[in-house]
N, C-alpha and C. Protein backbone atom coordinates (compact mmCIF):
# COMPACT_ATOMS: atom_id res chain seq x y z
N MET A 1 0.77 -1.20 -0.10
CA MET A 1 -0.11 -0.07 -0.10
C MET A 1 0.91 1.28 -0.04
N ASN A 2 0.55 2.09 -0.86
CA ASN A 2 1.15 3.40 -0.90
C ASN A 2 0.43 4.54 -0.29
N VAL A 3 0.81 5.37 0.64
CA VAL A 3 0.30 6.48 1.43
C VAL A 3 0.98 7.74 1.12
N LYS A 4 0.16 8.73 0.47
CA LYS A 4 0.73 10.12 0.42
C LYS A 4 0.10 11.04 1.56
N ILE A 5 0.84 11.61 2.30
CA ILE A 5 0.72 12.38 3.43
C ILE A 5 0.91 13.92 3.12
N LEU A 6 -0.10 14.78 3.12
CA LEU A 6 0.27 16.10 3.05
C LEU A 6 0.27 16.78 4.25
N PHE A 7 1.44 17.30 4.76
CA PHE A 7 1.86 17.61 6.09
C PHE A 7 1.90 19.14 6.08
N PHE A 8 0.92 19.77 6.50
CA PHE A 8 0.58 21.30 6.73
C PHE A 8 1.08 21.68 8.09
N ASP A 9 2.35 22.21 8.19
CA ASP A 9 2.81 22.86 9.41
C ASP A 9 3.48 24.04 9.37
N ASP A 10 3.18 25.07 10.21
CA ASP A 10 3.94 26.31 10.23
C ASP A 10 5.40 26.19 10.16
N ILE A 11 6.08 25.15 10.63
CA ILE A 11 7.38 25.07 10.76
C ILE A 11 8.08 25.06 9.33
N PHE A 12 7.19 24.66 8.35
CA PHE A 12 7.58 24.60 7.07
C PHE A 12 7.40 25.80 6.33
N SER A 13 6.78 26.81 6.80
CA SER A 13 6.57 28.14 6.29
C SER A 13 7.79 29.00 6.37
N SER A 14 7.98 30.01 5.38
CA SER A 14 9.12 30.82 5.39
C SER A 14 8.78 31.90 6.30
N LEU A 15 7.59 32.34 6.61
CA LEU A 15 7.22 33.08 7.71
C LEU A 15 7.73 32.82 9.13
N PHE A 16 7.47 31.49 9.25
CA PHE A 16 8.01 31.09 10.74
C PHE A 16 9.37 30.77 10.80
N ARG A 17 10.08 30.48 9.73
CA ARG A 17 11.50 30.10 9.61
C ARG A 17 12.28 31.44 9.72
N MET A 18 11.50 32.47 9.06
CA MET A 18 12.30 33.84 9.12
C MET A 18 12.13 34.44 10.50
N ALA A 19 11.02 34.16 11.23
CA ALA A 19 10.80 34.74 12.54
C ALA A 19 11.58 33.96 13.81
N HIS A 20 12.05 32.95 13.54
CA HIS A 20 12.79 32.24 14.69
C HIS A 20 14.35 31.97 14.03
N THR A 21 15.17 31.98 15.23
CA THR A 21 16.63 31.44 14.97
C THR A 21 16.79 29.95 14.59
N GLU A 22 17.85 29.94 14.31
CA GLU A 22 18.26 28.43 13.90
C GLU A 22 18.26 27.58 14.91
N ASN A 23 18.47 27.98 16.32
CA ASN A 23 18.74 27.36 17.54
C ASN A 23 17.17 26.93 18.01
N GLU A 24 16.14 27.88 17.54
CA GLU A 24 14.85 27.67 17.97
C GLU A 24 14.26 26.70 17.18
N LEU A 25 14.59 26.52 15.85
CA LEU A 25 14.16 25.54 14.87
C LEU A 25 14.64 24.20 15.12
N VAL A 26 15.53 23.99 15.94
CA VAL A 26 16.15 22.73 16.07
C VAL A 26 15.34 21.62 16.57
N TRP A 27 14.59 22.12 17.66
CA TRP A 27 13.52 21.15 18.21
C TRP A 27 12.50 20.61 17.03
N ASP A 28 11.99 21.62 16.36
CA ASP A 28 10.94 21.40 15.40
C ASP A 28 11.52 20.25 14.30
N ASP A 29 12.68 20.86 13.85
CA ASP A 29 13.22 20.02 12.96
C ASP A 29 13.50 18.60 13.31
N ASN A 30 13.99 18.40 14.33
CA ASN A 30 14.25 17.05 14.93
C ASN A 30 13.02 16.17 15.19
N TRP A 31 12.02 16.90 15.44
CA TRP A 31 10.47 16.34 15.69
C TRP A 31 10.02 15.94 14.48
N VAL A 32 9.99 16.74 13.37
CA VAL A 32 9.71 16.15 11.98
C VAL A 32 10.61 15.03 11.45
N ASN A 33 11.92 15.02 11.78
CA ASN A 33 12.84 14.08 11.26
C ASN A 33 12.34 12.72 12.10
N SER A 34 11.96 12.88 13.21
CA SER A 34 11.46 11.57 13.97
C SER A 34 10.25 11.07 13.35
N ILE A 35 9.44 11.89 12.91
CA ILE A 35 8.15 11.40 12.39
C ILE A 35 8.46 10.71 10.99
N GLU A 36 9.29 11.52 10.19
CA GLU A 36 9.69 10.82 8.99
C GLU A 36 10.36 9.23 9.19
N LYS A 37 11.21 9.31 10.18
CA LYS A 37 11.80 7.89 10.59
C LYS A 37 10.77 6.98 10.89
N ALA A 38 9.78 7.27 11.72
CA ALA A 38 8.88 6.47 12.19
C ALA A 38 7.99 6.02 10.95
N LEU A 39 7.55 6.87 10.03
CA LEU A 39 6.84 6.53 8.83
C LEU A 39 7.43 5.66 7.87
N ASN A 40 8.74 5.79 7.77
CA ASN A 40 9.47 4.96 6.92
C ASN A 40 10.64 4.09 7.61
N ASP A 41 10.13 3.42 8.74
CA ASP A 41 11.06 2.52 9.38
C ASP A 41 11.04 1.34 8.48
N PRO A 42 12.48 1.04 8.18
CA PRO A 42 12.78 -0.17 7.26
C PRO A 42 12.46 -1.50 8.02
N ASN A 43 12.33 -1.44 9.18
CA ASN A 43 12.07 -2.76 10.03
C ASN A 43 10.66 -3.15 10.25
N ASP A 44 9.58 -1.98 9.78
CA ASP A 44 8.33 -2.69 10.19
C ASP A 44 7.81 -3.55 9.13
N ARG A 45 6.87 -4.22 9.49
CA ARG A 45 6.29 -5.35 8.63
C ARG A 45 4.91 -5.06 8.08
N LEU A 46 4.60 -3.66 8.02
CA LEU A 46 3.31 -3.35 7.65
C LEU A 46 2.99 -3.20 6.33
N GLU A 47 4.04 -3.14 5.57
CA GLU A 47 4.10 -3.11 4.01
C GLU A 47 3.35 -1.94 3.37
N VAL A 48 3.69 -0.84 4.14
CA VAL A 48 3.00 0.33 3.67
C VAL A 48 4.08 1.42 3.54
N ASN A 49 4.11 2.07 2.32
CA ASN A 49 4.99 3.17 1.94
C ASN A 49 4.48 4.52 2.03
N PHE A 50 5.02 5.19 2.99
CA PHE A 50 4.45 6.55 3.16
C PHE A 50 5.34 7.45 2.50
N THR A 51 4.79 8.55 1.83
CA THR A 51 5.24 9.55 1.28
C THR A 51 4.81 10.97 1.88
N LEU A 52 5.70 11.64 2.34
CA LEU A 52 5.54 12.82 3.15
C LEU A 52 5.70 13.94 2.29
N VAL A 53 4.65 14.80 1.82
CA VAL A 53 4.83 16.20 1.21
C VAL A 53 4.67 17.32 2.34
N LYS A 54 5.70 17.99 2.66
CA LYS A 54 5.61 19.01 3.49
C LYS A 54 5.43 20.35 3.05
N THR A 55 4.53 21.27 3.77
CA THR A 55 4.30 22.70 3.33
C THR A 55 3.84 23.32 4.36
N GLY A 56 4.24 24.59 4.23
CA GLY A 56 3.84 25.78 5.23
C GLY A 56 2.89 26.72 4.57
N GLU A 57 2.41 26.41 3.39
CA GLU A 57 1.65 27.29 2.62
C GLU A 57 0.25 27.04 2.83
N ILE A 58 -0.22 27.34 4.06
CA ILE A 58 -1.77 27.07 4.59
C ILE A 58 -2.53 27.89 3.86
N GLU A 59 -2.33 29.01 3.25
CA GLU A 59 -3.15 29.96 2.44
C GLU A 59 -3.57 29.54 1.27
N ASN A 60 -2.64 28.35 0.80
CA ASN A 60 -2.91 27.75 -0.55
C ASN A 60 -3.38 26.32 -0.41
N SER A 61 -3.95 25.91 0.73
CA SER A 61 -4.35 24.59 0.89
C SER A 61 -5.12 23.88 -0.03
N LYS A 62 -6.14 24.52 -0.46
CA LYS A 62 -6.95 23.86 -1.42
C LYS A 62 -6.23 23.53 -2.75
N SER A 63 -5.32 24.51 -3.12
CA SER A 63 -4.82 24.37 -4.41
C SER A 63 -3.70 23.35 -4.24
N ILE A 64 -3.06 23.15 -3.14
CA ILE A 64 -2.04 22.16 -2.96
C ILE A 64 -2.62 20.82 -2.86
N VAL A 65 -3.73 20.81 -2.02
CA VAL A 65 -4.56 19.49 -2.18
C VAL A 65 -4.88 18.74 -3.46
N GLU A 66 -5.36 19.71 -4.14
CA GLU A 66 -5.77 19.46 -5.74
C GLU A 66 -4.43 19.16 -6.46
N LYS A 67 -3.38 19.80 -6.24
CA LYS A 67 -2.00 19.17 -7.06
C LYS A 67 -1.49 18.21 -6.44
N GLU A 68 -1.47 17.71 -5.24
CA GLU A 68 -0.69 16.67 -4.61
C GLU A 68 -1.61 15.44 -4.42
N LYS A 69 -3.05 15.56 -4.53
CA LYS A 69 -3.76 14.34 -4.37
C LYS A 69 -3.38 13.49 -3.31
N PRO A 70 -3.22 13.96 -1.96
CA PRO A 70 -2.98 13.24 -0.78
C PRO A 70 -4.09 12.22 -0.59
N ASP A 71 -3.55 11.18 0.30
CA ASP A 71 -4.71 10.31 0.79
C ASP A 71 -5.02 10.75 2.20
N ILE A 72 -4.24 11.53 2.73
CA ILE A 72 -4.46 11.89 4.10
C ILE A 72 -3.64 13.34 4.32
N VAL A 73 -4.43 14.09 5.22
CA VAL A 73 -3.67 15.61 5.54
C VAL A 73 -3.22 15.46 7.03
N LEU A 74 -2.18 15.92 7.37
CA LEU A 74 -1.73 16.32 8.75
C LEU A 74 -1.79 17.83 8.76
N LEU A 75 -2.56 18.38 9.81
CA LEU A 75 -2.74 19.73 9.90
C LEU A 75 -2.40 20.32 11.34
N ASP A 76 -1.41 21.12 11.42
CA ASP A 76 -1.01 21.78 12.58
C ASP A 76 -2.03 22.75 12.93
N HIS A 77 -2.52 22.81 14.28
CA HIS A 77 -3.47 23.65 14.61
C HIS A 77 -3.06 25.26 14.85
N TYR A 78 -1.98 25.40 15.21
CA TYR A 78 -1.63 26.56 15.53
C TYR A 78 -0.45 27.30 14.58
N TRP A 79 -0.92 28.36 13.98
CA TRP A 79 -0.24 29.13 13.03
C TRP A 79 0.03 30.62 13.53
N PRO A 80 0.91 30.93 14.38
CA PRO A 80 1.01 32.16 14.96
C PRO A 80 1.62 33.22 13.96
N GLU A 81 2.58 32.80 13.19
CA GLU A 81 3.06 33.93 12.25
C GLU A 81 2.17 34.22 11.17
N GLN A 82 1.28 33.36 10.71
CA GLN A 82 0.37 33.48 9.74
C GLN A 82 -0.81 34.41 10.30
N ALA A 83 -1.14 34.17 11.61
CA ALA A 83 -2.02 34.95 12.31
C ALA A 83 -1.57 36.33 12.45
N TRP A 84 -0.33 36.45 12.71
CA TRP A 84 0.25 37.79 12.94
C TRP A 84 0.14 38.65 11.62
N LYS A 85 0.40 37.86 10.41
CA LYS A 85 0.29 38.39 9.13
C LYS A 85 -1.28 38.95 8.97
N LYS A 86 -2.03 38.19 9.12
CA LYS A 86 -3.35 38.09 8.81
C LYS A 86 -4.23 39.05 9.69
N TYR A 87 -4.00 38.91 10.97
CA TYR A 87 -4.84 39.44 12.12
C TYR A 87 -4.08 40.63 12.88
N GLY A 88 -2.81 40.46 12.83
CA GLY A 88 -1.99 41.38 13.82
C GLY A 88 -1.96 40.68 15.17
N ASP A 89 -2.29 39.45 15.35
CA ASP A 89 -2.24 38.71 16.70
C ASP A 89 -2.02 37.45 16.50
N ARG A 90 -0.75 37.05 17.16
CA ARG A 90 -0.24 35.60 17.07
C ARG A 90 -1.38 34.57 17.96
N LYS A 91 -1.95 35.33 18.85
CA LYS A 91 -2.85 34.47 19.53
C LYS A 91 -3.97 33.74 18.75
N LYS A 92 -4.24 34.48 17.71
CA LYS A 92 -5.21 33.88 16.74
C LYS A 92 -4.75 32.81 15.76
N GLY A 93 -3.57 32.13 16.13
CA GLY A 93 -2.97 31.14 15.27
C GLY A 93 -3.90 30.08 15.21
N GLY A 94 -4.94 29.64 16.03
CA GLY A 94 -5.73 28.59 15.76
C GLY A 94 -6.86 28.75 14.84
N GLU A 95 -7.11 30.18 14.58
CA GLU A 95 -8.13 30.42 13.68
C GLU A 95 -7.81 30.18 12.23
N ILE A 96 -6.56 30.15 11.84
CA ILE A 96 -5.90 29.93 10.62
C ILE A 96 -6.30 28.43 10.26
N SER A 97 -6.05 27.45 11.30
CA SER A 97 -6.26 26.06 11.17
C SER A 97 -7.77 25.81 10.87
N ILE A 98 -8.40 26.45 11.72
CA ILE A 98 -10.01 26.33 11.76
C ILE A 98 -10.64 26.57 10.27
N GLU A 99 -10.17 27.74 9.89
CA GLU A 99 -10.48 28.32 8.60
C GLU A 99 -10.22 27.15 7.52
N THR A 100 -9.00 26.76 7.68
CA THR A 100 -8.54 25.80 6.60
C THR A 100 -9.12 24.57 6.71
N LEU A 101 -9.68 24.05 7.73
CA LEU A 101 -10.41 22.82 8.03
C LEU A 101 -11.74 22.96 7.27
N ARG A 102 -12.35 24.10 7.65
CA ARG A 102 -13.69 24.48 6.89
C ARG A 102 -13.54 24.27 5.31
N GLN A 103 -12.54 25.11 4.85
CA GLN A 103 -12.46 24.93 3.34
C GLN A 103 -12.01 23.40 2.85
N LEU A 104 -11.17 22.78 3.46
CA LEU A 104 -10.84 21.48 3.07
C LEU A 104 -12.20 20.55 3.14
N ARG A 105 -12.75 20.57 4.13
CA ARG A 105 -13.99 19.81 4.37
C ARG A 105 -15.00 20.09 3.20
N LYS A 106 -15.10 21.34 2.84
CA LYS A 106 -16.21 21.69 1.97
C LYS A 106 -15.63 21.25 0.63
N ALA A 107 -14.45 21.56 0.24
CA ALA A 107 -13.94 20.98 -1.12
C ALA A 107 -13.55 19.54 -1.30
N PHE A 108 -13.32 18.77 -0.15
CA PHE A 108 -12.87 17.51 -0.26
C PHE A 108 -13.48 16.76 1.00
N PRO A 109 -14.73 16.55 1.09
CA PRO A 109 -15.55 15.95 2.15
C PRO A 109 -14.94 14.60 2.64
N GLU A 110 -14.42 13.69 1.72
CA GLU A 110 -13.86 12.57 1.99
C GLU A 110 -12.57 12.48 2.53
N LEU A 111 -11.68 13.51 2.34
CA LEU A 111 -10.50 13.44 2.65
C LEU A 111 -10.24 13.60 4.24
N PRO A 112 -9.53 12.50 4.73
CA PRO A 112 -9.20 12.43 6.14
C PRO A 112 -8.22 13.46 6.56
N VAL A 113 -8.52 14.20 7.44
CA VAL A 113 -7.70 15.26 8.10
C VAL A 113 -7.33 15.01 9.60
N ILE A 114 -5.91 14.91 9.92
CA ILE A 114 -5.68 14.72 11.30
C ILE A 114 -5.09 16.15 11.78
N SER A 115 -5.65 16.65 12.74
CA SER A 115 -5.47 17.98 13.15
C SER A 115 -4.56 17.62 14.62
N TYR A 116 -3.72 18.49 14.94
CA TYR A 116 -2.96 18.22 16.09
C TYR A 116 -2.46 19.70 16.61
N THR A 117 -2.05 19.53 17.97
CA THR A 117 -1.22 20.78 18.61
C THR A 117 -0.58 20.22 19.82
N ILE A 118 0.37 20.94 20.35
CA ILE A 118 1.23 20.35 21.42
C ILE A 118 0.46 20.45 22.70
N GLN A 119 -0.37 21.43 22.82
CA GLN A 119 -1.11 21.36 24.31
C GLN A 119 -2.49 21.70 23.91
N PRO A 120 -3.25 20.63 23.70
CA PRO A 120 -4.72 20.96 23.24
C PRO A 120 -5.49 21.01 24.56
N ASP A 121 -6.58 21.68 24.52
CA ASP A 121 -7.84 21.62 25.62
C ASP A 121 -8.89 21.35 24.88
N ARG A 122 -9.98 21.30 25.79
CA ARG A 122 -11.18 20.74 25.26
C ARG A 122 -11.79 21.71 24.07
N GLN A 123 -11.56 22.91 24.36
CA GLN A 123 -11.99 23.98 23.25
C GLN A 123 -11.39 23.76 22.01
N ILE A 124 -10.10 23.66 21.92
CA ILE A 124 -9.50 23.34 20.69
C ILE A 124 -9.91 22.08 19.93
N LEU A 125 -10.02 20.88 20.80
CA LEU A 125 -10.34 19.68 20.43
C LEU A 125 -11.89 19.81 19.56
N GLU A 126 -12.75 20.28 20.48
CA GLU A 126 -14.07 20.61 19.87
C GLU A 126 -14.14 21.39 18.62
N ALA A 127 -13.46 22.46 18.72
CA ALA A 127 -13.42 23.19 17.39
C ALA A 127 -12.74 22.67 16.17
N ALA A 128 -11.83 21.77 16.44
CA ALA A 128 -11.26 20.87 15.25
C ALA A 128 -12.44 19.84 14.84
N TYR A 129 -13.10 19.31 15.66
CA TYR A 129 -14.00 18.32 15.08
C TYR A 129 -15.10 19.09 14.63
N ASP A 130 -15.56 20.03 15.20
CA ASP A 130 -16.83 20.80 14.72
C ASP A 130 -16.64 21.34 13.40
N ASN A 131 -15.30 21.51 13.00
CA ASN A 131 -14.95 22.24 11.62
C ASN A 131 -14.34 21.28 10.63
N GLY A 132 -14.39 19.95 10.94
CA GLY A 132 -14.05 18.99 9.91
C GLY A 132 -12.85 17.98 10.24
N ALA A 133 -12.12 18.14 11.38
CA ALA A 133 -11.04 17.16 11.66
C ALA A 133 -11.72 15.77 11.78
N THR A 134 -11.03 14.86 11.14
CA THR A 134 -11.43 13.40 11.22
C THR A 134 -10.92 12.74 12.39
N PHE A 135 -9.88 13.30 12.91
CA PHE A 135 -9.11 12.72 14.00
C PHE A 135 -8.16 13.95 14.58
N PHE A 136 -8.23 14.00 15.95
CA PHE A 136 -7.37 14.88 16.58
C PHE A 136 -6.50 14.35 17.49
N MET A 137 -5.10 14.68 17.47
CA MET A 137 -4.27 14.17 18.32
C MET A 137 -3.14 15.25 19.09
N GLU A 138 -2.74 14.93 20.24
CA GLU A 138 -1.71 15.84 20.56
C GLU A 138 -0.44 15.66 19.93
N LYS A 139 0.23 16.73 19.87
CA LYS A 139 1.62 16.53 19.34
C LYS A 139 2.66 16.16 20.35
N ILE A 140 3.17 15.20 20.28
CA ILE A 140 4.08 14.50 21.16
C ILE A 140 5.42 15.32 21.14
N ALA A 141 5.70 15.81 22.33
CA ALA A 141 6.88 16.70 21.96
C ALA A 141 8.30 15.94 22.14
N MET A 142 8.25 14.62 21.89
CA MET A 142 9.62 13.94 21.62
C MET A 142 10.04 13.55 20.38
N ALA A 143 11.47 13.95 20.23
CA ALA A 143 11.97 13.77 18.75
C ALA A 143 12.44 12.15 18.86
N VAL A 144 11.72 11.20 18.93
CA VAL A 144 12.14 9.69 19.07
C VAL A 144 11.24 9.06 18.12
N PRO A 145 11.68 8.55 17.06
CA PRO A 145 10.66 7.84 16.07
C PRO A 145 9.83 6.89 16.62
N GLU A 146 10.08 5.99 17.65
CA GLU A 146 9.37 5.18 18.21
C GLU A 146 8.05 5.62 18.78
N VAL A 147 8.06 6.89 19.33
CA VAL A 147 7.05 7.61 19.96
C VAL A 147 5.87 7.84 18.96
N HIS A 148 6.31 7.94 17.62
CA HIS A 148 5.44 8.44 16.59
C HIS A 148 4.98 7.26 15.77
N ASN A 149 5.33 6.11 16.05
CA ASN A 149 4.63 4.99 15.38
C ASN A 149 3.22 4.79 15.47
N THR A 150 2.64 5.38 16.50
CA THR A 150 1.26 5.28 16.60
C THR A 150 0.58 5.99 15.46
N LEU A 151 1.23 7.21 14.87
CA LEU A 151 0.64 7.78 13.86
C LEU A 151 0.46 6.91 12.60
N LYS A 152 1.41 6.05 12.44
CA LYS A 152 1.18 5.07 11.27
C LYS A 152 -0.15 4.20 11.29
N HIS A 153 -0.41 3.70 12.59
CA HIS A 153 -1.62 3.02 12.67
C HIS A 153 -2.72 3.67 12.65
N VAL A 154 -2.66 5.04 13.04
CA VAL A 154 -3.91 6.02 12.99
C VAL A 154 -4.26 6.11 11.52
N ILE A 155 -3.21 6.50 10.75
CA ILE A 155 -3.47 6.70 9.35
C ILE A 155 -3.87 5.47 8.63
N ILE A 156 -3.42 4.31 8.83
CA ILE A 156 -3.97 3.06 8.32
C ILE A 156 -5.46 2.94 8.54
N TYR A 157 -5.76 3.03 9.80
CA TYR A 157 -7.10 2.97 10.15
C TYR A 157 -8.06 3.64 9.54
N LEU A 158 -7.62 5.14 9.41
CA LEU A 158 -8.47 6.20 8.81
C LEU A 158 -8.66 5.88 7.21
N LEU A 159 -7.64 5.38 6.51
CA LEU A 159 -7.81 5.06 5.26
C LEU A 159 -8.54 3.83 4.92
N ARG A 160 -8.45 2.84 5.95
CA ARG A 160 -9.45 1.65 5.84
C ARG A 160 -10.92 2.06 6.00
N LYS A 161 -11.04 3.03 6.78
CA LYS A 161 -12.44 3.37 7.06
C LYS A 161 -12.95 4.22 5.80
N LYS A 162 -12.09 4.83 4.97
CA LYS A 162 -12.47 5.56 3.83
C LYS A 162 -12.94 4.57 2.89
């Protein structure tokens, strides 16, 4: 089975990368690397080939989905630099994701979308589900591939349900 994942996260955006120092980006970069290693572990026996397409172009989400034709979308919930650009308020970073969820759900009603954030609360969880998230998960702040293995199983489950 081949699975194409479209990975929307602010850490891939030029706005985010310009706003933070290289030292501040190390943790995020290591976290992404650990996800890639977990998805592409040559020792697993799932016989699933994951392709990860990374983008920080949240404002172009619909056209990117149309172009890439992913099987599933991973969507970061909090986009502070895009919120600063759009609203002049970094605290509105979650509104960027919620707006994107609505647009994706309207344009691609069957496309599974996994939304995530590092410190979810009940309000964030409910907003994500109310606006079209198929699944919501907490971003595990460890850059260890084994910690992210569960993500593979969630993706396979969601694709089987589709």
